[in-house]
Amino acid sequence: HFLYNSFYLLYRMTKAHDFENSTRFTKYLGDYFQYVTRNGEDEVPLALELQHVRALCEIQTIRFAGHITFSIDELPKSYNKVKVPRLILQPLVENAYQHGFEQGHENRHMSIHFTSVTHDNGSKLLLIGVEDNGKGMAEEELERWHGWLNGKDQSSEITGVLNVHRRLRLKYGELAGVRIESRPSGGLR
């Protein structure tokens, strides 16, 4: 659907002679699909993964005509070249756009931030936060997700989020993975 929606939006922009946005849009769309189709590496530098997600966010900003904004903190330089499984951030960001925001929701915003911490065992960890100020999740659904992510329950379907969680655990061990929590001001982190 993303591809079809993108081409239809590009058609509408060019038909309306909105060449500034259509030019920006095609640049980000080209970057997005080049990363998805031409990069066959299993692991990529985190800076490159983040660049791909930025292209996706720019596409969504144009698609939603500025009704959804985003911000991405600067990645600490020491993590630029850290190899990560490819396409670990995209499913999390897509979920914020697809499931977090309802029509009519004002001041919709998605953000990505980075926090470096030291675990009790001395391991240095990078926490990557993907947050939205959307509708959030009902408590029972949140508990169901906690069960799936902690391996207590089996999900009948493998979602992008569960796939990312499992890939992170395989690469980095039990300290890694996805955690989902409600934000006090609304939305999810």
N, C-alpha and C. Protein backbone atom coordinates (compact mmCIF):
# COMPACT_ATOMS: atom_id res chain seq x y z
N HIS A 1 0.82 -1.21 0.00
CA HIS A 1 0.00 0.00 0.00
C HIS A 1 0.85 1.26 0.00
N PHE A 2 1.99 1.20 0.69
CA PHE A 2 2.86 2.36 0.78
C PHE A 2 3.28 2.84 -0.62
N LEU A 3 3.67 1.90 -1.48
CA LEU A 3 4.10 2.26 -2.82
C LEU A 3 2.96 2.89 -3.62
N TYR A 4 1.79 2.27 -3.60
CA TYR A 4 0.65 2.80 -4.34
C TYR A 4 0.22 4.17 -3.82
N ASN A 5 0.16 4.29 -2.49
CA ASN A 5 -0.21 5.58 -1.90
C ASN A 5 0.80 6.65 -2.27
N SER A 6 2.07 6.28 -2.31
CA SER A 6 3.12 7.25 -2.65
C SER A 6 2.97 7.73 -4.09
N PHE A 7 2.74 6.80 -5.01
CA PHE A 7 2.58 7.21 -6.40
C PHE A 7 1.32 8.04 -6.61
N TYR A 8 0.26 7.70 -5.92
CA TYR A 8 -0.97 8.49 -6.05
C TYR A 8 -0.76 9.90 -5.49
N LEU A 9 -0.05 10.00 -4.36
CA LEU A 9 0.23 11.32 -3.80
C LEU A 9 1.11 12.13 -4.75
N LEU A 10 2.11 11.50 -5.34
CA LEU A 10 2.97 12.18 -6.30
C LEU A 10 2.16 12.66 -7.50
N TYR A 11 1.24 11.83 -7.97
CA TYR A 11 0.35 12.22 -9.06
C TYR A 11 -0.44 13.48 -8.68
N ARG A 12 -1.03 13.47 -7.48
CA ARG A 12 -1.84 14.62 -7.04
C ARG A 12 -0.99 15.89 -6.91
N MET A 13 0.23 15.75 -6.40
CA MET A 13 1.09 16.94 -6.25
C MET A 13 1.49 17.51 -7.60
N THR A 14 1.86 16.64 -8.54
CA THR A 14 2.26 17.17 -9.85
C THR A 14 1.07 17.75 -10.61
N LYS A 15 -0.09 17.13 -10.46
CA LYS A 15 -1.29 17.65 -11.11
C LYS A 15 -1.63 19.04 -10.56
N ALA A 16 -1.36 19.27 -9.27
CA ALA A 16 -1.62 20.56 -8.64
C ALA A 16 -0.44 21.53 -8.83
N HIS A 17 0.56 21.11 -9.60
CA HIS A 17 1.75 21.93 -9.87
C HIS A 17 2.52 22.27 -8.58
N ASP A 18 2.47 21.37 -7.61
CA ASP A 18 3.22 21.54 -6.36
C ASP A 18 4.60 20.91 -6.56
N PHE A 19 5.41 21.60 -7.37
CA PHE A 19 6.69 21.03 -7.77
C PHE A 19 7.71 21.02 -6.64
N GLU A 20 7.60 21.95 -5.72
CA GLU A 20 8.55 21.96 -4.59
C GLU A 20 8.38 20.70 -3.75
N ASN A 21 7.14 20.39 -3.35
CA ASN A 21 6.90 19.19 -2.55
C ASN A 21 7.09 17.91 -3.36
N SER A 22 6.70 17.92 -4.63
CA SER A 22 6.87 16.70 -5.42
C SER A 22 8.35 16.40 -5.65
N THR A 23 9.17 17.44 -5.79
CA THR A 23 10.61 17.24 -5.92
C THR A 23 11.20 16.66 -4.64
N ARG A 24 10.84 17.25 -3.49
CA ARG A 24 11.30 16.72 -2.19
C ARG A 24 10.82 15.28 -2.00
N PHE A 25 9.55 15.05 -2.32
CA PHE A 25 8.95 13.75 -2.12
C PHE A 25 9.67 12.67 -2.94
N THR A 26 9.94 12.95 -4.22
CA THR A 26 10.60 11.95 -5.06
C THR A 26 12.02 11.67 -4.58
N LYS A 27 12.70 12.68 -4.06
CA LYS A 27 14.05 12.46 -3.53
C LYS A 27 14.00 11.50 -2.34
N TYR A 28 13.09 11.77 -1.37
CA TYR A 28 12.98 10.90 -0.19
C TYR A 28 12.47 9.51 -0.57
N LEU A 29 11.55 9.45 -1.51
CA LEU A 29 11.03 8.16 -1.95
C LEU A 29 12.13 7.33 -2.62
N GLY A 30 12.95 7.99 -3.43
CA GLY A 30 14.09 7.31 -4.05
C GLY A 30 15.07 6.79 -3.01
N ASP A 31 15.38 7.62 -2.01
CA ASP A 31 16.28 7.19 -0.93
C ASP A 31 15.70 6.00 -0.18
N TYR A 32 14.41 6.08 0.11
CA TYR A 32 13.72 5.03 0.84
C TYR A 32 13.81 3.69 0.10
N PHE A 33 13.42 3.69 -1.17
CA PHE A 33 13.40 2.44 -1.92
C PHE A 33 14.80 1.95 -2.28
N GLN A 34 15.74 2.84 -2.42
CA GLN A 34 17.12 2.39 -2.65
C GLN A 34 17.61 1.59 -1.45
N TYR A 35 17.33 2.07 -0.26
CA TYR A 35 17.76 1.38 0.96
C TYR A 35 17.06 0.03 1.08
N VAL A 36 15.76 -0.01 0.80
CA VAL A 36 14.98 -1.24 0.97
C VAL A 36 15.36 -2.27 -0.09
N THR A 37 15.60 -1.84 -1.33
CA THR A 37 15.81 -2.80 -2.42
C THR A 37 17.26 -3.05 -2.79
N ARG A 38 18.14 -2.11 -2.55
CA ARG A 38 19.51 -2.26 -3.01
C ARG A 38 20.49 -2.67 -1.92
N ASN A 39 20.10 -2.52 -0.69
CA ASN A 39 21.01 -2.85 0.39
C ASN A 39 20.66 -4.24 0.90
N GLY A 40 21.43 -5.24 0.47
CA GLY A 40 21.17 -6.61 0.86
C GLY A 40 21.91 -7.03 2.11
N GLU A 41 22.62 -6.11 2.74
CA GLU A 41 23.36 -6.44 3.95
C GLU A 41 22.41 -6.81 5.08
N ASP A 42 22.79 -7.79 5.89
CA ASP A 42 22.00 -8.13 7.07
C ASP A 42 22.18 -7.10 8.18
N GLU A 43 23.38 -6.50 8.22
CA GLU A 43 23.68 -5.49 9.23
C GLU A 43 24.21 -4.24 8.55
N VAL A 44 23.87 -3.10 9.12
CA VAL A 44 24.29 -1.81 8.57
C VAL A 44 24.73 -0.91 9.72
N PRO A 45 25.51 0.13 9.43
CA PRO A 45 25.81 1.10 10.49
C PRO A 45 24.53 1.78 10.96
N LEU A 46 24.45 2.02 12.26
CA LEU A 46 23.25 2.64 12.84
C LEU A 46 22.95 3.98 12.18
N ALA A 47 23.97 4.75 11.82
CA ALA A 47 23.75 6.04 11.17
C ALA A 47 23.01 5.87 9.84
N LEU A 48 23.31 4.81 9.10
CA LEU A 48 22.64 4.55 7.83
C LEU A 48 21.18 4.13 8.06
N GLU A 49 20.96 3.30 9.08
CA GLU A 49 19.59 2.90 9.44
C GLU A 49 18.77 4.13 9.81
N LEU A 50 19.37 5.03 10.54
CA LEU A 50 18.69 6.25 10.96
C LEU A 50 18.40 7.16 9.76
N GLN A 51 19.31 7.22 8.82
CA GLN A 51 19.11 8.02 7.61
C GLN A 51 17.89 7.48 6.83
N HIS A 52 17.75 6.16 6.78
CA HIS A 52 16.60 5.54 6.11
C HIS A 52 15.30 5.93 6.81
N VAL A 53 15.29 5.89 8.12
CA VAL A 53 14.09 6.24 8.89
C VAL A 53 13.75 7.71 8.71
N ARG A 54 14.76 8.56 8.61
CA ARG A 54 14.52 9.98 8.38
C ARG A 54 13.81 10.18 7.03
N ALA A 55 14.22 9.43 6.00
CA ALA A 55 13.56 9.53 4.69
C ALA A 55 12.09 9.12 4.83
N LEU A 56 11.82 8.05 5.57
CA LEU A 56 10.44 7.61 5.79
C LEU A 56 9.63 8.70 6.49
N CYS A 57 10.22 9.33 7.50
CA CYS A 57 9.51 10.39 8.24
C CYS A 57 9.25 11.61 7.36
N GLU A 58 10.20 11.95 6.51
CA GLU A 58 10.00 13.07 5.58
C GLU A 58 8.86 12.75 4.61
N ILE A 59 8.82 11.52 4.12
CA ILE A 59 7.73 11.10 3.23
C ILE A 59 6.39 11.24 3.94
N GLN A 60 6.33 10.78 5.18
CA GLN A 60 5.07 10.85 5.94
C GLN A 60 4.67 12.30 6.23
N THR A 61 5.64 13.16 6.49
CA THR A 61 5.35 14.57 6.73
C THR A 61 4.70 15.20 5.50
N ILE A 62 5.23 14.89 4.33
CA ILE A 62 4.65 15.40 3.09
C ILE A 62 3.29 14.75 2.86
N ARG A 63 3.22 13.45 3.08
CA ARG A 63 1.96 12.72 2.86
C ARG A 63 0.82 13.27 3.71
N PHE A 64 1.11 13.57 4.97
CA PHE A 64 0.07 14.06 5.87
C PHE A 64 0.03 15.58 5.91
N ALA A 65 0.63 16.22 4.92
CA ALA A 65 0.57 17.67 4.73
C ALA A 65 0.90 18.45 6.00
N GLY A 66 1.91 17.99 6.73
CA GLY A 66 2.34 18.71 7.92
C GLY A 66 1.49 18.49 9.15
N HIS A 67 0.47 17.63 9.06
CA HIS A 67 -0.39 17.36 10.22
C HIS A 67 0.28 16.43 11.23
N ILE A 68 1.34 15.77 10.79
CA ILE A 68 2.15 14.96 11.69
C ILE A 68 3.59 15.44 11.54
N THR A 69 4.18 15.82 12.65
CA THR A 69 5.57 16.27 12.63
C THR A 69 6.45 15.19 13.27
N PHE A 70 7.74 15.35 13.08
CA PHE A 70 8.66 14.40 13.70
C PHE A 70 9.93 15.13 14.12
N SER A 71 10.64 14.52 15.04
CA SER A 71 11.97 15.00 15.41
C SER A 71 12.84 13.78 15.68
N ILE A 72 14.10 13.90 15.29
CA ILE A 72 15.07 12.84 15.54
C ILE A 72 16.29 13.49 16.17
N ASP A 73 16.59 13.09 17.40
CA ASP A 73 17.77 13.61 18.07
C ASP A 73 19.03 13.20 17.31
N GLU A 74 20.09 13.93 17.53
CA GLU A 74 21.36 13.58 16.91
C GLU A 74 21.90 12.32 17.58
N LEU A 75 22.31 11.38 16.75
CA LEU A 75 22.88 10.13 17.24
C LEU A 75 24.27 10.43 17.81
N PRO A 76 24.55 9.98 19.04
CA PRO A 76 25.91 10.19 19.57
C PRO A 76 26.94 9.59 18.60
N LYS A 77 27.99 10.36 18.30
CA LYS A 77 28.98 9.97 17.30
C LYS A 77 29.58 8.59 17.56
N SER A 78 29.71 8.22 18.82
CA SER A 78 30.32 6.93 19.14
C SER A 78 29.47 5.75 18.67
N TYR A 79 28.22 6.00 18.29
CA TYR A 79 27.33 4.92 17.83
C TYR A 79 27.10 4.94 16.32
N ASN A 80 27.66 5.92 15.60
CA ASN A 80 27.41 6.04 14.16
C ASN A 80 27.72 4.76 13.39
N LYS A 81 28.84 4.12 13.70
CA LYS A 81 29.29 2.96 12.92
C LYS A 81 28.92 1.62 13.54
N VAL A 82 28.21 1.64 14.66
CA VAL A 82 27.79 0.40 15.29
C VAL A 82 26.88 -0.35 14.32
N LYS A 83 27.20 -1.61 14.07
CA LYS A 83 26.40 -2.43 13.15
C LYS A 83 25.14 -2.92 13.87
N VAL A 84 24.02 -2.73 13.20
CA VAL A 84 22.72 -3.17 13.73
C VAL A 84 22.02 -3.98 12.65
N PRO A 85 21.08 -4.85 13.04
CA PRO A 85 20.29 -5.53 12.02
C PRO A 85 19.54 -4.50 11.17
N ARG A 86 19.58 -4.70 9.87
CA ARG A 86 18.93 -3.77 8.94
C ARG A 86 17.42 -3.79 9.14
N LEU A 87 16.81 -2.63 9.02
CA LEU A 87 15.36 -2.43 9.12
C LEU A 87 14.81 -2.78 10.50
N ILE A 88 15.52 -2.32 11.55
CA ILE A 88 14.99 -2.51 12.91
C ILE A 88 14.18 -1.32 13.38
N LEU A 89 14.43 -0.15 12.84
CA LEU A 89 13.69 1.04 13.28
C LEU A 89 12.43 1.29 12.45
N GLN A 90 12.45 0.95 11.18
CA GLN A 90 11.33 1.24 10.30
C GLN A 90 10.01 0.68 10.82
N PRO A 91 9.93 -0.60 11.24
CA PRO A 91 8.63 -1.10 11.72
C PRO A 91 8.11 -0.35 12.95
N LEU A 92 9.00 0.10 13.82
CA LEU A 92 8.58 0.84 15.00
C LEU A 92 8.03 2.20 14.62
N VAL A 93 8.70 2.86 13.70
CA VAL A 93 8.26 4.18 13.24
C VAL A 93 6.95 4.05 12.45
N GLU A 94 6.87 3.04 11.60
CA GLU A 94 5.63 2.82 10.84
C GLU A 94 4.44 2.60 11.77
N ASN A 95 4.65 1.87 12.86
CA ASN A 95 3.57 1.64 13.81
C ASN A 95 3.07 2.94 14.41
N ALA A 96 3.99 3.86 14.70
CA ALA A 96 3.58 5.15 15.25
C ALA A 96 2.67 5.87 14.26
N TYR A 97 3.04 5.84 12.99
CA TYR A 97 2.22 6.52 11.98
C TYR A 97 0.91 5.78 11.71
N GLN A 98 0.96 4.45 11.60
CA GLN A 98 -0.23 3.69 11.21
C GLN A 98 -1.23 3.49 12.34
N HIS A 99 -0.73 3.27 13.55
CA HIS A 99 -1.62 2.90 14.65
C HIS A 99 -1.73 3.95 15.75
N GLY A 100 -0.76 4.84 15.81
CA GLY A 100 -0.74 5.79 16.91
C GLY A 100 -1.63 7.00 16.72
N PHE A 101 -1.84 7.39 15.48
CA PHE A 101 -2.53 8.63 15.23
C PHE A 101 -3.90 8.40 14.61
N GLU A 102 -4.87 9.05 15.17
CA GLU A 102 -6.23 8.99 14.65
C GLU A 102 -6.51 10.25 13.84
N GLN A 103 -7.48 10.15 12.95
CA GLN A 103 -7.90 11.33 12.21
C GLN A 103 -8.41 12.38 13.19
N GLY A 104 -8.09 13.61 12.95
CA GLY A 104 -8.57 14.69 13.80
C GLY A 104 -7.71 14.95 15.02
N HIS A 105 -6.77 14.06 15.31
CA HIS A 105 -5.86 14.25 16.44
C HIS A 105 -4.99 15.47 16.14
N GLU A 106 -4.98 16.42 17.04
CA GLU A 106 -4.21 17.66 16.83
C GLU A 106 -2.76 17.49 17.27
N ASN A 107 -1.87 18.23 16.66
CA ASN A 107 -0.46 18.29 17.05
C ASN A 107 0.18 16.91 17.15
N ARG A 108 -0.04 16.08 16.15
CA ARG A 108 0.53 14.73 16.14
C ARG A 108 2.04 14.84 15.94
N HIS A 109 2.77 14.10 16.77
CA HIS A 109 4.22 14.18 16.72
C HIS A 109 4.84 12.82 17.04
N MET A 110 5.86 12.46 16.28
CA MET A 110 6.63 11.24 16.50
C MET A 110 8.07 11.68 16.72
N SER A 111 8.75 11.07 17.69
CA SER A 111 10.13 11.45 17.94
C SER A 111 10.99 10.21 18.19
N ILE A 112 12.26 10.38 17.89
CA ILE A 112 13.26 9.34 18.15
C ILE A 112 14.37 10.00 18.96
N HIS A 113 14.73 9.34 20.05
CA HIS A 113 15.82 9.88 20.87
C HIS A 113 16.71 8.75 21.34
N PHE A 114 17.90 9.12 21.81
CA PHE A 114 18.93 8.15 22.18
C PHE A 114 19.41 8.42 23.59
N THR A 115 19.57 7.36 24.36
CA THR A 115 20.09 7.46 25.71
C THR A 115 21.12 6.35 25.91
N SER A 116 22.30 6.72 26.32
CA SER A 116 23.34 5.73 26.61
C SER A 116 23.34 5.47 28.12
N VAL A 117 23.28 4.21 28.50
CA VAL A 117 23.27 3.84 29.91
C VAL A 117 24.25 2.69 30.15
N THR A 118 24.61 2.52 31.39
CA THR A 118 25.43 1.38 31.79
C THR A 118 24.57 0.46 32.64
N HIS A 119 24.48 -0.79 32.22
CA HIS A 119 23.69 -1.79 32.95
C HIS A 119 24.42 -2.17 34.24
N ASP A 120 23.69 -2.77 35.17
CA ASP A 120 24.28 -3.21 36.44
C ASP A 120 25.48 -4.13 36.24
N ASN A 121 25.49 -4.90 35.14
CA ASN A 121 26.61 -5.82 34.89
C ASN A 121 27.78 -5.13 34.20
N GLY A 122 27.69 -3.82 33.97
CA GLY A 122 28.77 -3.05 33.36
C GLY A 122 28.64 -2.88 31.86
N SER A 123 27.68 -3.53 31.23
CA SER A 123 27.49 -3.41 29.79
C SER A 123 26.98 -2.02 29.43
N LYS A 124 27.58 -1.44 28.37
CA LYS A 124 27.09 -0.17 27.85
C LYS A 124 25.94 -0.47 26.91
N LEU A 125 24.82 0.22 27.12
CA LEU A 125 23.62 0.00 26.31
C LEU A 125 23.19 1.30 25.66
N LEU A 126 22.67 1.21 24.46
CA LEU A 126 22.06 2.36 23.80
C LEU A 126 20.57 2.11 23.76
N LEU A 127 19.81 2.99 24.37
CA LEU A 127 18.36 2.92 24.32
C LEU A 127 17.89 3.85 23.21
N ILE A 128 17.13 3.31 22.28
CA ILE A 128 16.58 4.10 21.19
C ILE A 128 15.09 4.21 21.46
N GLY A 129 14.64 5.39 21.73
CA GLY A 129 13.23 5.63 22.03
C GLY A 129 12.48 6.12 20.81
N VAL A 130 11.41 5.44 20.44
CA VAL A 130 10.50 5.88 19.39
C VAL A 130 9.19 6.19 20.10
N GLU A 131 8.80 7.46 20.09
CA GLU A 131 7.63 7.89 20.84
C GLU A 131 6.63 8.60 19.94
N ASP A 132 5.35 8.43 20.29
CA ASP A 132 4.32 9.22 19.62
C ASP A 132 3.39 9.78 20.69
N ASN A 133 2.67 10.81 20.34
CA ASN A 133 1.70 11.39 21.27
C ASN A 133 0.28 11.06 20.83
N GLY A 134 0.13 9.88 20.25
CA GLY A 134 -1.14 9.46 19.70
C GLY A 134 -2.09 8.88 20.72
N LYS A 135 -2.94 7.97 20.25
CA LYS A 135 -4.04 7.46 21.06
C LYS A 135 -3.60 6.47 22.13
N GLY A 136 -2.38 5.95 22.03
CA GLY A 136 -1.92 5.00 23.03
C GLY A 136 -2.51 3.62 22.81
N MET A 137 -2.56 2.85 23.89
CA MET A 137 -3.01 1.47 23.80
C MET A 137 -3.78 1.13 25.07
N ALA A 138 -4.86 0.40 24.94
CA ALA A 138 -5.63 -0.04 26.10
C ALA A 138 -4.75 -0.92 26.99
N GLU A 139 -4.99 -0.87 28.28
CA GLU A 139 -4.16 -1.60 29.25
C GLU A 139 -4.10 -3.10 28.94
N GLU A 140 -5.22 -3.70 28.57
CA GLU A 140 -5.22 -5.14 28.28
C GLU A 140 -4.40 -5.47 27.04
N GLU A 141 -4.42 -4.60 26.04
CA GLU A 141 -3.60 -4.80 24.85
C GLU A 141 -2.13 -4.64 25.19
N LEU A 142 -1.82 -3.66 26.01
CA LEU A 142 -0.44 -3.44 26.45
C LEU A 142 0.08 -4.67 27.20
N GLU A 143 -0.75 -5.24 28.08
CA GLU A 143 -0.36 -6.46 28.82
C GLU A 143 -0.14 -7.63 27.87
N ARG A 144 -0.99 -7.75 26.86
CA ARG A 144 -0.82 -8.81 25.86
C ARG A 144 0.52 -8.67 25.16
N TRP A 145 0.87 -7.43 24.78
CA TRP A 145 2.17 -7.18 24.14
C TRP A 145 3.32 -7.52 25.09
N HIS A 146 3.19 -7.17 26.35
CA HIS A 146 4.25 -7.50 27.31
C HIS A 146 4.45 -9.00 27.38
N GLY A 147 3.36 -9.77 27.35
CA GLY A 147 3.46 -11.23 27.35
C GLY A 147 4.19 -11.74 26.12
N TRP A 148 3.83 -11.22 24.96
CA TRP A 148 4.49 -11.66 23.72
C TRP A 148 5.98 -11.32 23.74
N LEU A 149 6.32 -10.09 24.17
CA LEU A 149 7.71 -9.66 24.16
C LEU A 149 8.55 -10.38 25.21
N ASN A 150 7.93 -10.82 26.28
CA ASN A 150 8.65 -11.56 27.32
C ASN A 150 8.59 -13.06 27.12
N GLY A 151 8.00 -13.51 26.01
CA GLY A 151 7.97 -14.93 25.69
C GLY A 151 7.00 -15.74 26.52
N LYS A 152 6.14 -15.09 27.30
CA LYS A 152 5.18 -15.82 28.14
C LYS A 152 4.01 -16.33 27.31
N ASP A 153 3.62 -15.59 26.31
CA ASP A 153 2.51 -15.96 25.45
C ASP A 153 3.03 -16.00 24.02
N GLN A 154 2.41 -16.79 23.20
CA GLN A 154 2.76 -16.83 21.78
C GLN A 154 1.72 -16.06 20.99
N SER A 155 2.19 -15.19 20.15
CA SER A 155 1.30 -14.47 19.25
C SER A 155 1.01 -15.36 18.05
N SER A 156 -0.22 -15.36 17.59
CA SER A 156 -0.57 -16.17 16.43
C SER A 156 -0.02 -15.56 15.14
N GLU A 157 0.31 -14.28 15.18
CA GLU A 157 0.89 -13.65 14.00
C GLU A 157 2.19 -12.96 14.39
N ILE A 158 3.14 -13.01 13.49
CA ILE A 158 4.42 -12.34 13.73
C ILE A 158 4.31 -10.95 13.12
N THR A 159 4.37 -9.96 13.96
CA THR A 159 4.30 -8.58 13.48
C THR A 159 5.71 -8.04 13.29
N GLY A 160 5.80 -6.88 12.66
CA GLY A 160 7.10 -6.24 12.49
C GLY A 160 7.77 -5.97 13.83
N VAL A 161 6.99 -5.58 14.82
CA VAL A 161 7.55 -5.27 16.14
C VAL A 161 8.12 -6.53 16.79
N LEU A 162 7.39 -7.65 16.72
CA LEU A 162 7.90 -8.90 17.29
C LEU A 162 9.14 -9.39 16.53
N ASN A 163 9.14 -9.21 15.23
CA ASN A 163 10.29 -9.57 14.42
C ASN A 163 11.52 -8.77 14.83
N VAL A 164 11.36 -7.46 15.00
CA VAL A 164 12.46 -6.61 15.45
C VAL A 164 12.96 -7.07 16.81
N HIS A 165 12.04 -7.33 17.72
CA HIS A 165 12.39 -7.78 19.07
C HIS A 165 13.25 -9.05 19.02
N ARG A 166 12.81 -10.01 18.25
CA ARG A 166 13.54 -11.28 18.16
C ARG A 166 14.90 -11.11 17.51
N ARG A 167 14.98 -10.29 16.48
CA ARG A 167 16.27 -10.05 15.81
C ARG A 167 17.25 -9.36 16.75
N LEU A 168 16.77 -8.40 17.54
CA LEU A 168 17.65 -7.72 18.50
C LEU A 168 18.14 -8.70 19.57
N ARG A 169 17.27 -9.57 20.04
CA ARG A 169 17.66 -10.56 21.06
C ARG A 169 18.69 -11.54 20.49
N LEU A 170 18.50 -11.97 19.25
CA LEU A 170 19.46 -12.88 18.64
C LEU A 170 20.84 -12.24 18.52
N LYS A 171 20.87 -10.98 18.17
CA LYS A 171 22.15 -10.28 17.96
C LYS A 171 22.82 -9.88 19.27
N TYR A 172 22.04 -9.34 20.22
CA TYR A 172 22.64 -8.71 21.39
C TYR A 172 22.35 -9.42 22.71
N GLY A 173 21.49 -10.43 22.72
CA GLY A 173 21.20 -11.15 23.95
C GLY A 173 19.96 -10.64 24.67
N GLU A 174 19.75 -11.15 25.87
CA GLU A 174 18.53 -10.92 26.63
C GLU A 174 18.33 -9.47 27.08
N LEU A 175 19.39 -8.67 27.16
CA LEU A 175 19.22 -7.27 27.56
C LEU A 175 18.61 -6.43 26.43
N ALA A 176 18.66 -6.96 25.22
CA ALA A 176 18.18 -6.21 24.06
C ALA A 176 16.71 -6.55 23.78
N GLY A 177 16.12 -5.75 22.94
CA GLY A 177 14.76 -6.02 22.50
C GLY A 177 13.90 -4.78 22.53
N VAL A 178 12.63 -5.01 22.30
CA VAL A 178 11.64 -3.94 22.26
C VAL A 178 10.86 -3.94 23.56
N ARG A 179 10.62 -2.77 24.07
CA ARG A 179 9.76 -2.59 25.23
C ARG A 179 8.71 -1.56 24.84
N ILE A 180 7.49 -1.80 25.26
CA ILE A 180 6.40 -0.89 24.93
C ILE A 180 5.80 -0.40 26.23
N GLU A 181 5.63 0.92 26.33
CA GLU A 181 5.00 1.48 27.50
C GLU A 181 4.18 2.71 27.12
N SER A 182 3.18 2.98 27.93
CA SER A 182 2.37 4.16 27.73
C SER A 182 3.14 5.39 28.22
N ARG A 183 2.94 6.49 27.54
CA ARG A 183 3.51 7.76 27.98
C ARG A 183 2.51 8.45 28.90
N PRO A 184 2.96 9.06 29.98
CA PRO A 184 2.02 9.74 30.88
C PRO A 184 1.18 10.82 30.18
N SER A 185 1.75 11.46 29.16
CA SER A 185 1.02 12.51 28.47
C SER A 185 0.22 11.99 27.28
N GLY A 186 0.17 10.67 27.10
CA GLY A 186 -0.56 10.07 26.00
C GLY A 186 0.38 9.53 24.94
N GLY A 187 -0.05 8.49 24.27
CA GLY A 187 0.76 7.86 23.24
C GLY A 187 1.58 6.72 23.80
N LEU A 188 2.52 6.27 22.98
CA LEU A 188 3.38 5.14 23.36
C LEU A 188 4.85 5.50 23.22
N ARG A 189 5.64 4.75 23.96
CA ARG A 189 7.10 4.82 23.86
C ARG A 189 7.54 3.39 23.63
